[in-house]
PDB file of N, CA and C in Angstrom:
ATOM      1  N   MET A   1      -9.793  20.052   6.632  1.00  0.00           N
ATOM      2  CA  MET A   1      -9.877  20.050   5.789  1.00  0.00           C
ATOM      3  C   MET A   1      -8.697  18.909   5.438  1.00  0.00           C
ATOM      4  N   ALA A   2      -9.067  18.178   3.975  1.00  0.00           N
ATOM      5  CA  ALA A   2      -8.566  16.761   4.223  1.00  0.00           C
ATOM      6  C   ALA A   2      -7.744  17.153   2.550  1.00  0.00           C
ATOM      7  N   GLU A   3      -7.158  16.919   2.262  1.00  0.00           N
ATOM      8  CA  GLU A   3      -6.474  16.773   0.587  1.00  0.00           C
ATOM      9  C   GLU A   3      -5.963  15.429  -0.037  1.00  0.00           C
ATOM     10  N   HIS A   4      -5.643  14.551  -0.657  1.00  0.00           N
ATOM     11  CA  HIS A   4      -5.565  13.964  -0.972  1.00  0.00           C
ATOM     12  C   HIS A   4      -4.959  13.410  -2.591  1.00  0.00           C
ATOM     13  N   GLN A   5      -3.576  13.021  -2.456  1.00  0.00           N
ATOM     14  CA  GLN A   5      -2.511  13.364  -4.563  1.00  0.00           C
ATOM     15  C   GLN A   5      -3.253  11.979  -4.390  1.00  0.00           C
ATOM     16  N   PRO A   6      -4.117  12.201  -6.370  1.00  0.00           N
ATOM     17  CA  PRO A   6      -4.755  11.111  -6.880  1.00  0.00           C
ATOM     18  C   PRO A   6      -3.057  10.266  -6.925  1.00  0.00           C
ATOM     19  N   GLY A   7      -3.409   9.340  -6.716  1.00  0.00           N
ATOM     20  CA  GLY A   7      -2.375   7.946  -6.872  1.00  0.00           C
ATOM     21  C   GLY A   7      -1.245   8.023  -6.149  1.00  0.00           C
ATOM     22  N   SER A   8      -0.947   8.384  -4.915  1.00  0.00           N
ATOM     23  CA  SER A   8       0.194   8.596  -4.470  1.00  0.00           C
ATOM     24  C   SER A   8      -0.179   7.665  -3.386  1.00  0.00           C
ATOM     25  N   GLY A   9      -0.838   7.658  -2.359  1.00  0.00           N
ATOM     26  CA  GLY A   9      -1.380   6.575  -1.894  1.00  0.00           C
ATOM     27  C   GLY A   9      -1.081   8.001  -0.260  1.00  0.00           C
ATOM     28  N   VAL A  10      -1.476   8.911  -0.123  1.00  0.00           N
ATOM     29  CA  VAL A  10      -0.169  10.311   0.464  1.00  0.00           C
ATOM     30  C   VAL A  10      -1.385  10.948   0.708  1.00  0.00           C
ATOM     31  N   ASP A  11      -2.347  11.013   2.377  1.00  0.00           N
ATOM     32  CA  ASP A  11      -2.917  12.234   2.314  1.00  0.00           C
ATOM     33  C   ASP A  11      -2.486  13.081   2.870  1.00  0.00           C
ATOM     34  N   GLY A  12      -2.505  14.415   3.119  1.00  0.00           N
ATOM     35  CA  GLY A  12      -2.303  15.757   3.203  1.00  0.00           C
ATOM     36  C   GLY A  12      -3.428  16.056   4.081  1.00  0.00           C
ATOM     37  N   HIS A  13      -3.617  16.428   5.757  1.00  0.00           N
ATOM     38  CA  HIS A  13      -4.711  16.816   6.576  1.00  0.00           C
ATOM     39  C   HIS A  13      -3.640  17.962   6.602  1.00  0.00           C
ATOM     40  N   LEU A  14      -4.793  19.534   6.797  1.00  0.00           N
ATOM     41  CA  LEU A  14      -4.558  20.395   7.480  1.00  0.00           C
ATOM     42  C   LEU A  14      -5.408  21.107   8.601  1.00  0.00           C
ATOM     43  N   ALA A  15      -4.766  20.871   9.974  1.00  0.00           N
ATOM     44  CA  ALA A  15      -5.820  21.396  11.486  1.00  0.00           C
ATOM     45  C   ALA A  15      -5.546  22.883  11.509  1.00  0.00           C
ATOM     46  N   ALA A  16      -6.764  23.224  11.849  1.00  0.00           N
ATOM     47  CA  ALA A  16      -6.206  24.338  12.403  1.00  0.00           C
ATOM     48  C   ALA A  16      -7.288  24.551  14.374  1.00  0.00           C
ATOM     49  N   SER A  17      -6.849  25.753  15.221  1.00  0.00           N
ATOM     50  CA  SER A  17      -7.037  24.929  15.998  1.00  0.00           C
ATOM     51  C   SER A  17      -6.875  26.629  17.002  1.00  0.00           C
ATOM     52  N   ALA A  18      -7.031  27.240  18.135  1.00  0.00           N
ATOM     53  CA  ALA A  18      -7.217  28.237  18.693  1.00  0.00           C
ATOM     54  C   ALA A  18      -5.609  27.663  19.408  1.00  0.00           C
ATOM     55  N   GLY A  19      -5.053  29.038  19.611  1.00  0.00           N
ATOM     56  CA  GLY A  19      -3.413  28.852  20.594  1.00  0.00           C
ATOM     57  C   GLY A  19      -3.053  29.786  21.256  1.00  0.00           C
ATOM     58  N   GLY A  20      -2.936  30.204  21.850  1.00  0.00           N
ATOM     59  CA  GLY A  20      -2.981  31.254  22.535  1.00  0.00           C
ATOM     60  C   GLY A  20      -3.848  32.601  21.867  1.00  0.00           C
ATOM     61  N   ARG A  21      -2.417  34.016  21.314  1.00  0.00           N
ATOM     62  CA  ARG A  21      -2.896  35.071  20.815  1.00  0.00           C
ATOM     63  C   ARG A  21      -3.792  34.626  19.663  1.00  0.00           C
ATOM     64  N   GLY A  22      -3.134  34.065  19.344  1.00  0.00           N
ATOM     65  CA  GLY A  22      -3.406  32.760  17.194  1.00  0.00           C
ATOM     66  C   GLY A  22      -4.831  31.757  17.424  1.00  0.00           C
ATOM     67  N   THR A  23      -4.486  31.252  16.003  1.00  0.00           N
ATOM     68  CA  THR A  23      -4.530  30.139  15.652  1.00  0.00           C
ATOM     69  C   THR A  23      -3.452  29.540  15.218  1.00  0.00           C
ATOM     70  N   ARG A  24      -3.283  27.790  15.563  1.00  0.00           N
ATOM     71  CA  ARG A  24      -2.369  27.473  15.574  1.00  0.00           C
ATOM     72  C   ARG A  24      -2.616  26.345  13.958  1.00  0.00           C
ATOM     73  N   LEU A  25      -1.837  25.422  13.716  1.00  0.00           N
ATOM     74  CA  LEU A  25      -2.274  25.823  12.526  1.00  0.00           C
ATOM     75  C   LEU A  25      -1.363  24.034  11.782  1.00  0.00           C
ATOM     76  N   PHE A  26      -1.925  23.482  12.106  1.00  0.00           N
ATOM     77  CA  PHE A  26      -1.027  21.754  12.215  1.00  0.00           C
ATOM     78  C   PHE A  26      -0.698  20.954  10.577  1.00  0.00           C
ATOM     79  N   LEU A  27      -0.364  20.763  10.256  1.00  0.00           N
ATOM     80  CA  LEU A  27      -0.032  20.144   8.538  1.00  0.00           C
ATOM     81  C   LEU A  27       0.776  19.350   8.556  1.00  0.00           C
ATOM     82  N   THR A  28       0.523  17.302   8.556  1.00  0.00           N
ATOM     83  CA  THR A  28       0.596  16.371   8.279  1.00  0.00           C
ATOM     84  C   THR A  28       0.392  15.834   7.358  1.00  0.00           C
ATOM     85  N   HIS A  29       1.286  14.763   6.688  1.00  0.00           N
ATOM     86  CA  HIS A  29       1.068  13.821   5.238  1.00  0.00           C
ATOM     87  C   HIS A  29       1.338  12.651   6.344  1.00  0.00           C
ATOM     88  N   GLU A  30       0.716  11.524   5.865  1.00  0.00           N
ATOM     89  CA  GLU A  30       0.373  10.316   5.873  1.00  0.00           C
ATOM     90  C   GLU A  30       0.906   8.848   5.412  1.00  0.00           C
ATOM     91  N   GLY A  31       1.000   7.670   4.721  1.00  0.00           N
ATOM     92  CA  GLY A  31       0.940   7.163   3.570  1.00  0.00           C
ATOM     93  C   GLY A  31       2.249   7.270   3.187  1.00  0.00           C
ATOM     94  N   PHE A  32       3.254   7.127   3.794  1.00  0.00           N
ATOM     95  CA  PHE A  32       4.113   6.945   2.242  1.00  0.00           C
ATOM     96  C   PHE A  32       4.977   6.062   2.524  1.00  0.00           C
ATOM     97  N   ASP A  33       4.746   5.954   1.050  1.00  0.00           N
ATOM     98  CA  ASP A  33       5.368   3.709   1.120  1.00  0.00           C
ATOM     99  C   ASP A  33       6.852   4.061   1.201  1.00  0.00           C
ATOM    100  N   PRO A  34       7.545   3.084   1.689  1.00  0.00           N
ATOM    101  CA  PRO A  34       9.441   3.840   2.321  1.00  0.00           C
ATOM    102  C   PRO A  34       9.669   2.763   0.814  1.00  0.00           C
ATOM    103  N   ASP A  35       9.149   1.891   0.263  1.00  0.00           N
ATOM    104  CA  ASP A  35       9.523   1.760  -1.472  1.00  0.00           C
ATOM    105  C   ASP A  35       9.562   2.002  -2.007  1.00  0.00           C
ATOM    106  N   ASP A  36       9.017   2.865  -2.198  1.00  0.00           N
ATOM    107  CA  ASP A  36       8.601   4.316  -3.011  1.00  0.00           C
ATOM    108  C   ASP A  36       9.560   5.331  -3.368  1.00  0.00           C
ATOM    109  N   GLU A  37      10.893   5.067  -3.683  1.00  0.00           N
ATOM    110  CA  GLU A  37      12.034   6.158  -3.512  1.00  0.00           C
ATOM    111  C   GLU A  37      11.238   7.852  -4.125  1.00  0.00           C
ATOM    112  N   PHE A  38      10.697   8.066  -5.326  1.00  0.00           N
ATOM    113  CA  PHE A  38       9.840   9.620  -4.677  1.00  0.00           C
ATOM    114  C   PHE A  38       9.454   9.503  -3.674  1.00  0.00           C
ATOM    115  N   GLN A  39       8.837   9.446  -3.283  1.00  0.00           N
ATOM    116  CA  GLN A  39       8.075   8.812  -1.792  1.00  0.00           C
ATOM    117  C   GLN A  39       8.730   9.264  -0.979  1.00  0.00           C
ATOM    118  N   ARG A  40       9.752   8.671  -0.749  1.00  0.00           N
ATOM    119  CA  ARG A  40      11.262   9.155   0.565  1.00  0.00           C
ATOM    120  C   ARG A  40      11.824  10.240   0.001  1.00  0.00           C
ATOM    121  N   MET A  41      12.145  10.246  -0.943  1.00  0.00           N
ATOM    122  CA  MET A  41      12.804  11.782  -1.286  1.00  0.00           C
ATOM    123  C   MET A  41      11.686  12.976  -0.279  1.00  0.00           C
ATOM    124  N   ALA A  42      10.006  12.662  -1.041  1.00  0.00           N
ATOM    125  CA  ALA A  42       9.411  13.842  -0.601  1.00  0.00           C
ATOM    126  C   ALA A  42       9.477  13.919   0.734  1.00  0.00           C
ATOM    127  N   ARG A  43       8.997  12.792   1.435  1.00  0.00           N
ATOM    128  CA  ARG A  43       8.792  12.799   2.617  1.00  0.00           C
ATOM    129  C   ARG A  43      10.333  12.963   3.718  1.00  0.00           C
ATOM    130  N   ARG A  44      11.468  12.933   3.468  1.00  0.00           N
ATOM    131  CA  ARG A  44      12.949  13.802   3.468  1.00  0.00           C
ATOM    132  C   ARG A  44      12.683  15.073   3.546  1.00  0.00           C
ATOM    133  N   VAL A  45      11.835  15.519   2.790  1.00  0.00           N
ATOM    134  CA  VAL A  45      11.466  17.266   2.314  1.00  0.00           C
ATOM    135  C   VAL A  45      11.238  18.056   2.834  1.00  0.00           C
ATOM    136  N   MET A  46       9.813  16.704   3.324  1.00  0.00           N
ATOM    137  CA  MET A  46       8.805  17.732   4.076  1.00  0.00           C
ATOM    138  C   MET A  46       8.917  17.645   5.391  1.00  0.00           C
ATOM    139  N   GLY A  47       9.628  16.483   6.534  1.00  0.00           N
ATOM    140  CA  GLY A  47      10.677  16.391   7.245  1.00  0.00           C
ATOM    141  C   GLY A  47      11.084  17.522   8.086  1.00  0.00           C
ATOM    142  N   GLY A  48      11.538  18.029   7.189  1.00  0.00           N
ATOM    143  CA  GLY A  48      13.111  18.980   7.887  1.00  0.00           C
ATOM    144  C   GLY A  48      12.768  20.407   6.864  1.00  0.00           C
ATOM    145  N   GLY A  49      13.497  21.109   5.823  1.00  0.00           N
ATOM    146  CA  GLY A  49      13.202  22.148   5.271  1.00  0.00           C
ATOM    147  C   GLY A  49      11.584  22.216   4.564  1.00  0.00           C
ATOM    148  N   GLY A  50      10.967  21.447   4.844  1.00  0.00           N
ATOM    149  CA  GLY A  50       9.758  21.976   4.256  1.00  0.00           C
ATOM    150  C   GLY A  50       9.371  22.267   5.492  1.00  0.00           C
ATOM    151  N   ARG A  51       9.122  22.821   6.303  1.00  0.00           N
ATOM    152  CA  ARG A  51       8.360  24.401   7.358  1.00  0.00           C
ATOM    153  C   ARG A  51       8.782  25.320   6.947  1.00  0.00           C
ATOM    154  N   THR A  52       9.712  25.126   6.271  1.00  0.00           N
ATOM    155  CA  THR A  52      10.194  27.081   6.360  1.00  0.00           C
ATOM    156  C   THR A  52       8.974  27.465   4.998  1.00  0.00           C
ATOM    157  N   GLY A  53       9.637  26.174   3.816  1.00  0.00           N
ATOM    158  CA  GLY A  53       8.803  26.662   2.744  1.00  0.00           C
ATOM    159  C   GLY A  53       7.039  26.763   2.184  1.00  0.00           C
ATOM    160  N   VAL A  54       6.134  26.074   3.919  1.00  0.00           N
ATOM    161  CA  VAL A  54       5.232  26.303   3.886  1.00  0.00           C
ATOM    162  C   VAL A  54       4.952  26.878   4.411  1.00  0.00           C
ATOM    163  N   SER A  55       5.257  27.781   5.599  1.00  0.00           N
ATOM    164  CA  SER A  55       5.285  28.685   6.248  1.00  0.00           C
ATOM    165  C   SER A  55       5.330  30.031   5.060  1.00  0.00           C
ATOM    166  N   LYS A  56       5.991  30.393   4.693  1.00  0.00           N
ATOM    167  CA  LYS A  56       6.031  31.257   3.275  1.00  0.00           C
ATOM    168  C   LYS A  56       5.197  31.282   2.425  1.00  0.00           C
ATOM    169  N   ALA A  57       4.796  29.489   2.150  1.00  0.00           N
ATOM    170  CA  ALA A  57       3.771  30.016   1.019  1.00  0.00           C
ATOM    171  C   ALA A  57       2.406  30.534   1.885  1.00  0.00           C
ATOM    172  N   LEU A  58       2.600  30.125   3.277  1.00  0.00           N
ATOM    173  CA  LEU A  58       1.045  30.293   3.535  1.00  0.00           C
ATOM    174  C   LEU A  58       0.922  31.597   3.597  1.00  0.00           C
ATOM    175  N   ALA A  59       1.816  32.521   3.993  1.00  0.00           N
ATOM    176  CA  ALA A  59       2.318  33.940   4.402  1.00  0.00           C
ATOM    177  C   ALA A  59       1.804  35.316   2.881  1.00  0.00           C
ATOM    178  N   ARG A  60       2.517  33.785   1.601  1.00  0.00           N
ATOM    179  CA  ARG A  60       2.237  34.938   0.455  1.00  0.00           C
ATOM    180  C   ARG A  60       0.360  34.857  -0.062  1.00  0.00           C
ATOM    181  N   VAL A  61      -0.138  33.705   0.285  1.00  0.00           N
ATOM    182  CA  VAL A  61      -1.975  33.665   0.041  1.00  0.00           C
ATOM    183  C   VAL A  61      -2.381  33.934   1.405  1.00  0.00           C
ATOM    184  N   LEU A  62      -2.128  34.177   2.345  1.00  0.00           N
ATOM    185  CA  LEU A  62      -3.017  34.608   3.404  1.00  0.00           C
ATOM    186  C   LEU A  62      -3.069  36.554   3.277  1.00  0.00           C
ATOM    187  N   ASP A  63      -1.469  36.798   2.413  1.00  0.00           N
ATOM    188  CA  ASP A  63      -1.378  38.718   2.017  1.00  0.00           C
ATOM    189  C   ASP A  63      -1.907  38.648   0.558  1.00  0.00           C
ATOM    190  N   GLU A  64      -2.313  37.991  -0.218  1.00  0.00           N
ATOM    191  CA  GLU A  64      -2.842  38.349  -1.359  1.00  0.00           C
ATOM    192  C   GLU A  64      -4.976  38.219  -0.990  1.00  0.00           C
ATOM    193  N   MET A  65      -5.193  37.340  -0.183  1.00  0.00           N
ATOM    194  CA  MET A  65      -6.438  37.300   0.286  1.00  0.00           C
ATOM    195  C   MET A  65      -6.267  39.100   0.717  1.00  0.00           C
ATOM    196  N   PRO A  66      -7.902  39.500  -0.145  1.00  0.00           N
ATOM    197  CA  PRO A  66      -8.743  40.180   0.510  1.00  0.00           C
ATOM    198  C   PRO A  66      -9.677  40.780   2.384  1.00  0.00           C
ATOM    199  N   ASP A  67      -9.559  41.745   2.924  1.00  0.00           N
ATOM    200  CA  ASP A  67      -9.966  41.824   4.055  1.00  0.00           C
ATOM    201  C   ASP A  67     -11.105  41.513   4.258  1.00  0.00           C
TER     202      ASP A  67
END
């Protein structure tokens, strides 16, 4: 699955693959403009603490899904 944020030039990609006894999810963002202040800030946020926020948000979505 791939998503594009209109007008930003940034692409986000989500991939899943079998791993160990479960499924591994890979989330990547590409296309940040180093000259754009807001994109630099977003890249810093997503490059560090974003891992925790993404996993918590994903857990909430999965918990809300019907069995």
